[in-house]
Amino acid sequence: MAKPNFQYEKRQRDLAKKKKAEEKRLRKLEKKNIKSGENPELPPDAETEKTPE
């Protein structure tokens, strides 16, 4: 039986945490900007340009 690759699993968990934290940060930023009525710091297209899939 093959040994589990713990380094890979840990890396995947860390990447998922970072992605979730970034999404949460962006949601909070959008909520803050909508509430205050200001223009958002990042244009809506900036988020899609960052993540090439």
PDB file of N, CA and C in Angstrom:
ATOM      1  N   MET A   1       0.841  -1.180   0.000  1.00  0.00           N
ATOM      2  CA  MET A   1       0.000   0.000   0.000  1.00  0.00           C
ATOM      3  C   MET A   1       0.889   1.246   0.000  1.00  0.00           C
ATOM      4  N   ALA A   2       0.511   2.253  -0.752  1.00  0.00           N
ATOM      5  CA  ALA A   2       1.301   3.474  -0.872  1.00  0.00           C
ATOM      6  C   ALA A   2       1.164   4.337   0.376  1.00  0.00           C
ATOM      7  N   LYS A   3       2.248   5.033   0.692  1.00  0.00           N
ATOM      8  CA  LYS A   3       2.217   5.949   1.839  1.00  0.00           C
ATOM      9  C   LYS A   3       1.517   7.243   1.443  1.00  0.00           C
ATOM     10  N   PRO A   4       0.757   7.808   2.360  1.00  0.00           N
ATOM     11  CA  PRO A   4       0.128   9.108   2.058  1.00  0.00           C
ATOM     12  C   PRO A   4       1.174  10.216   2.006  1.00  0.00           C
ATOM     13  N   ASN A   5       0.954  11.163   1.125  1.00  0.00           N
ATOM     14  CA  ASN A   5       1.872  12.280   0.965  1.00  0.00           C
ATOM     15  C   ASN A   5       1.350  13.440   1.813  1.00  0.00           C
ATOM     16  N   PHE A   6       1.816  13.526   3.055  1.00  0.00           N
ATOM     17  CA  PHE A   6       1.312  14.519   3.988  1.00  0.00           C
ATOM     18  C   PHE A   6       1.680  15.940   3.571  1.00  0.00           C
ATOM     19  N   GLN A   7       2.826  16.115   2.943  1.00  0.00           N
ATOM     20  CA  GLN A   7       3.233  17.448   2.487  1.00  0.00           C
ATOM     21  C   GLN A   7       2.230  17.980   1.466  1.00  0.00           C
ATOM     22  N   TYR A   8       1.823  17.134   0.540  1.00  0.00           N
ATOM     23  CA  TYR A   8       0.867  17.535  -0.492  1.00  0.00           C
ATOM     24  C   TYR A   8      -0.474  17.886   0.149  1.00  0.00           C
ATOM     25  N   GLU A   9      -0.939  17.042   1.060  1.00  0.00           N
ATOM     26  CA  GLU A   9      -2.222  17.282   1.713  1.00  0.00           C
ATOM     27  C   GLU A   9      -2.198  18.586   2.504  1.00  0.00           C
ATOM     28  N   LYS A  10      -1.108  18.838   3.221  1.00  0.00           N
ATOM     29  CA  LYS A  10      -0.986  20.065   3.996  1.00  0.00           C
ATOM     30  C   LYS A  10      -0.978  21.277   3.074  1.00  0.00           C
ATOM     31  N   ARG A  11      -0.267  21.179   1.969  1.00  0.00           N
ATOM     32  CA  ARG A  11      -0.206  22.278   1.006  1.00  0.00           C
ATOM     33  C   ARG A  11      -1.597  22.582   0.452  1.00  0.00           C
ATOM     34  N   GLN A  12      -2.354  21.542   0.140  1.00  0.00           N
ATOM     35  CA  GLN A  12      -3.700  21.733  -0.384  1.00  0.00           C
ATOM     36  C   GLN A  12      -4.610  22.399   0.654  1.00  0.00           C
ATOM     37  N   ARG A  13      -4.489  21.992   1.919  1.00  0.00           N
ATOM     38  CA  ARG A  13      -5.281  22.619   2.984  1.00  0.00           C
ATOM     39  C   ARG A  13      -4.915  24.083   3.129  1.00  0.00           C
ATOM     40  N   ASP A  14      -3.610  24.380   3.101  1.00  0.00           N
ATOM     41  CA  ASP A  14      -3.157  25.767   3.230  1.00  0.00           C
ATOM     42  C   ASP A  14      -3.655  26.621   2.068  1.00  0.00           C
ATOM     43  N   LEU A  15      -3.609  26.089   0.855  1.00  0.00           N
ATOM     44  CA  LEU A  15      -4.095  26.836  -0.303  1.00  0.00           C
ATOM     45  C   LEU A  15      -5.593  27.091  -0.187  1.00  0.00           C
ATOM     46  N   ALA A  16      -6.336  26.105   0.293  1.00  0.00           N
ATOM     47  CA  ALA A  16      -7.782  26.275   0.459  1.00  0.00           C
ATOM     48  C   ALA A  16      -8.071  27.347   1.501  1.00  0.00           C
ATOM     49  N   LYS A  17      -7.306  27.354   2.600  1.00  0.00           N
ATOM     50  CA  LYS A  17      -7.494  28.376   3.640  1.00  0.00           C
ATOM     51  C   LYS A  17      -7.213  29.765   3.100  1.00  0.00           C
ATOM     52  N   LYS A  18      -6.130  29.906   2.339  1.00  0.00           N
ATOM     53  CA  LYS A  18      -5.770  31.208   1.774  1.00  0.00           C
ATOM     54  C   LYS A  18      -6.835  31.689   0.798  1.00  0.00           C
ATOM     55  N   LYS A  19      -7.349  30.784  -0.026  1.00  0.00           N
ATOM     56  CA  LYS A  19      -8.377  31.151  -0.996  1.00  0.00           C
ATOM     57  C   LYS A  19      -9.642  31.612  -0.273  1.00  0.00           C
ATOM     58  N   LYS A  20     -10.025  30.871   0.753  1.00  0.00           N
ATOM     59  CA  LYS A  20     -11.223  31.221   1.513  1.00  0.00           C
ATOM     60  C   LYS A  20     -11.044  32.566   2.215  1.00  0.00           C
ATOM     61  N   ALA A  21      -9.871  32.805   2.783  1.00  0.00           N
ATOM     62  CA  ALA A  21      -9.605  34.071   3.473  1.00  0.00           C
ATOM     63  C   ALA A  21      -9.638  35.240   2.487  1.00  0.00           C
ATOM     64  N   GLU A  22      -9.104  35.051   1.292  1.00  0.00           N
ATOM     65  CA  GLU A  22      -9.106  36.105   0.283  1.00  0.00           C
ATOM     66  C   GLU A  22     -10.534  36.417  -0.158  1.00  0.00           C
ATOM     67  N   GLU A  23     -11.346  35.379  -0.359  1.00  0.00           N
ATOM     68  CA  GLU A  23     -12.741  35.596  -0.737  1.00  0.00           C
ATOM     69  C   GLU A  23     -13.488  36.346   0.362  1.00  0.00           C
ATOM     70  N   LYS A  24     -13.218  35.993   1.598  1.00  0.00           N
ATOM     71  CA  LYS A  24     -13.860  36.663   2.728  1.00  0.00           C
ATOM     72  C   LYS A  24     -13.435  38.124   2.791  1.00  0.00           C
ATOM     73  N   ARG A  25     -12.153  38.391   2.570  1.00  0.00           N
ATOM     74  CA  ARG A  25     -11.644  39.758   2.581  1.00  0.00           C
ATOM     75  C   ARG A  25     -12.324  40.589   1.492  1.00  0.00           C
ATOM     76  N   LEU A  26     -12.476  40.016   0.313  1.00  0.00           N
ATOM     77  CA  LEU A  26     -13.114  40.729  -0.790  1.00  0.00           C
ATOM     78  C   LEU A  26     -14.592  40.986  -0.499  1.00  0.00           C
ATOM     79  N   ARG A  27     -15.280  40.011   0.108  1.00  0.00           N
ATOM     80  CA  ARG A  27     -16.689  40.208   0.465  1.00  0.00           C
ATOM     81  C   ARG A  27     -16.832  41.343   1.466  1.00  0.00           C
ATOM     82  N   LYS A  28     -15.956  41.358   2.471  1.00  0.00           N
ATOM     83  CA  LYS A  28     -16.004  42.425   3.474  1.00  0.00           C
ATOM     84  C   LYS A  28     -15.736  43.777   2.830  1.00  0.00           C
ATOM     85  N   LEU A  29     -14.781  43.832   1.910  1.00  0.00           N
ATOM     86  CA  LEU A  29     -14.444  45.070   1.221  1.00  0.00           C
ATOM     87  C   LEU A  29     -15.629  45.568   0.403  1.00  0.00           C
ATOM     88  N   GLU A  30     -16.286  44.661  -0.314  1.00  0.00           N
ATOM     89  CA  GLU A  30     -17.457  45.030  -1.104  1.00  0.00           C
ATOM     90  C   GLU A  30     -18.576  45.529  -0.203  1.00  0.00           C
ATOM     91  N   LYS A  31     -18.801  44.828   0.893  1.00  0.00           N
ATOM     92  CA  LYS A  31     -19.858  45.214   1.829  1.00  0.00           C
ATOM     93  C   LYS A  31     -19.586  46.599   2.409  1.00  0.00           C
ATOM     94  N   LYS A  32     -18.339  46.855   2.756  1.00  0.00           N
ATOM     95  CA  LYS A  32     -17.943  48.147   3.314  1.00  0.00           C
ATOM     96  C   LYS A  32     -18.158  49.256   2.290  1.00  0.00           C
ATOM     97  N   ASN A  33     -17.762  49.007   1.040  1.00  0.00           N
ATOM     98  CA  ASN A  33     -17.899  50.010  -0.013  1.00  0.00           C
ATOM     99  C   ASN A  33     -19.359  50.274  -0.360  1.00  0.00           C
ATOM    100  N   ILE A  34     -20.171  49.266  -0.354  1.00  0.00           N
ATOM    101  CA  ILE A  34     -21.593  49.450  -0.645  1.00  0.00           C
ATOM    102  C   ILE A  34     -22.247  50.247   0.473  1.00  0.00           C
ATOM    103  N   LYS A  35     -21.891  49.916   1.703  1.00  0.00           N
ATOM    104  CA  LYS A  35     -22.472  50.585   2.858  1.00  0.00           C
ATOM    105  C   LYS A  35     -22.105  52.061   2.877  1.00  0.00           C
ATOM    106  N   SER A  36     -20.858  52.393   2.573  1.00  0.00           N
ATOM    107  CA  SER A  36     -20.406  53.782   2.621  1.00  0.00           C
ATOM    108  C   SER A  36     -20.724  54.542   1.334  1.00  0.00           C
ATOM    109  N   GLY A  37     -21.089  53.833   0.267  1.00  0.00           N
ATOM    110  CA  GLY A  37     -21.432  54.477  -0.987  1.00  0.00           C
ATOM    111  C   GLY A  37     -20.241  54.931  -1.791  1.00  0.00           C
ATOM    112  N   GLU A  38     -19.053  54.474  -1.452  1.00  0.00           N
ATOM    113  CA  GLU A  38     -17.843  54.850  -2.189  1.00  0.00           C
ATOM    114  C   GLU A  38     -17.607  53.878  -3.330  1.00  0.00           C
ATOM    115  N   ASN A  39     -16.708  54.267  -4.223  1.00  0.00           N
ATOM    116  CA  ASN A  39     -16.300  53.357  -5.283  1.00  0.00           C
ATOM    117  C   ASN A  39     -15.400  52.285  -4.692  1.00  0.00           C
ATOM    118  N   PRO A  40     -15.529  51.047  -5.136  1.00  0.00           N
ATOM    119  CA  PRO A  40     -14.660  49.995  -4.600  1.00  0.00           C
ATOM    120  C   PRO A  40     -13.201  50.233  -4.978  1.00  0.00           C
ATOM    121  N   GLU A  41     -12.309  49.799  -4.107  1.00  0.00           N
ATOM    122  CA  GLU A  41     -10.875  49.956  -4.389  1.00  0.00           C
ATOM    123  C   GLU A  41     -10.473  49.124  -5.605  1.00  0.00           C
ATOM    124  N   LEU A  42     -11.022  47.912  -5.681  1.00  0.00           N
ATOM    125  CA  LEU A  42     -10.716  47.045  -6.798  1.00  0.00           C
ATOM    126  C   LEU A  42     -11.893  47.028  -7.760  1.00  0.00           C
ATOM    127  N   PRO A  43     -11.652  47.180  -9.040  1.00  0.00           N
ATOM    128  CA  PRO A  43     -12.762  47.049  -9.987  1.00  0.00           C
ATOM    129  C   PRO A  43     -13.253  45.600  -9.991  1.00  0.00           C
ATOM    130  N   PRO A  44     -14.488  45.337 -10.345  1.00  0.00           N
ATOM    131  CA  PRO A  44     -15.020  43.964 -10.322  1.00  0.00           C
ATOM    132  C   PRO A  44     -14.228  43.012 -11.197  1.00  0.00           C
ATOM    133  N   ASP A  45     -13.605  43.504 -12.270  1.00  0.00           N
ATOM    134  CA  ASP A  45     -12.838  42.643 -13.160  1.00  0.00           C
ATOM    135  C   ASP A  45     -11.498  42.237 -12.571  1.00  0.00           C
ATOM    136  N   ALA A  46     -10.997  42.928 -11.572  1.00  0.00           N
ATOM    137  CA  ALA A  46      -9.683  42.632 -10.997  1.00  0.00           C
ATOM    138  C   ALA A  46      -9.657  41.238 -10.391  1.00  0.00           C
ATOM    139  N   GLU A  47     -10.745  40.807  -9.766  1.00  0.00           N
ATOM    140  CA  GLU A  47     -10.768  39.491  -9.143  1.00  0.00           C
ATOM    141  C   GLU A  47     -10.656  38.388 -10.186  1.00  0.00           C
ATOM    142  N   THR A  48     -11.334  38.534 -11.315  1.00  0.00           N
ATOM    143  CA  THR A  48     -11.291  37.503 -12.338  1.00  0.00           C
ATOM    144  C   THR A  48      -9.957  37.477 -13.070  1.00  0.00           C
ATOM    145  N   GLU A  49      -9.264  38.621 -13.143  1.00  0.00           N
ATOM    146  CA  GLU A  49      -7.978  38.666 -13.810  1.00  0.00           C
ATOM    147  C   GLU A  49      -6.889  37.990 -12.981  1.00  0.00           C
ATOM    148  N   LYS A  50      -7.031  37.984 -11.668  1.00  0.00           N
ATOM    149  CA  LYS A  50      -6.015  37.392 -10.801  1.00  0.00           C
ATOM    150  C   LYS A  50      -5.941  35.870 -10.962  1.00  0.00           C
ATOM    151  N   THR A  51      -7.091  35.221 -11.118  1.00  0.00           N
ATOM    152  CA  THR A  51      -7.131  33.764 -11.111  1.00  0.00           C
ATOM    153  C   THR A  51      -7.337  33.219 -12.512  1.00  0.00           C
ATOM    154  N   PRO A  52      -6.263  32.948 -13.238  1.00  0.00           N
ATOM    155  CA  PRO A  52      -6.422  32.326 -14.562  1.00  0.00           C
ATOM    156  C   PRO A  52      -6.744  30.849 -14.396  1.00  0.00           C
ATOM    157  N   GLU A  53      -7.867  30.429 -14.938  1.00  0.00           N
ATOM    158  CA  GLU A  53      -8.261  29.010 -14.821  1.00  0.00           C
ATOM    159  C   GLU A  53      -8.424  28.376 -16.163  1.00  0.00           C
TER     160      GLU A  53
END
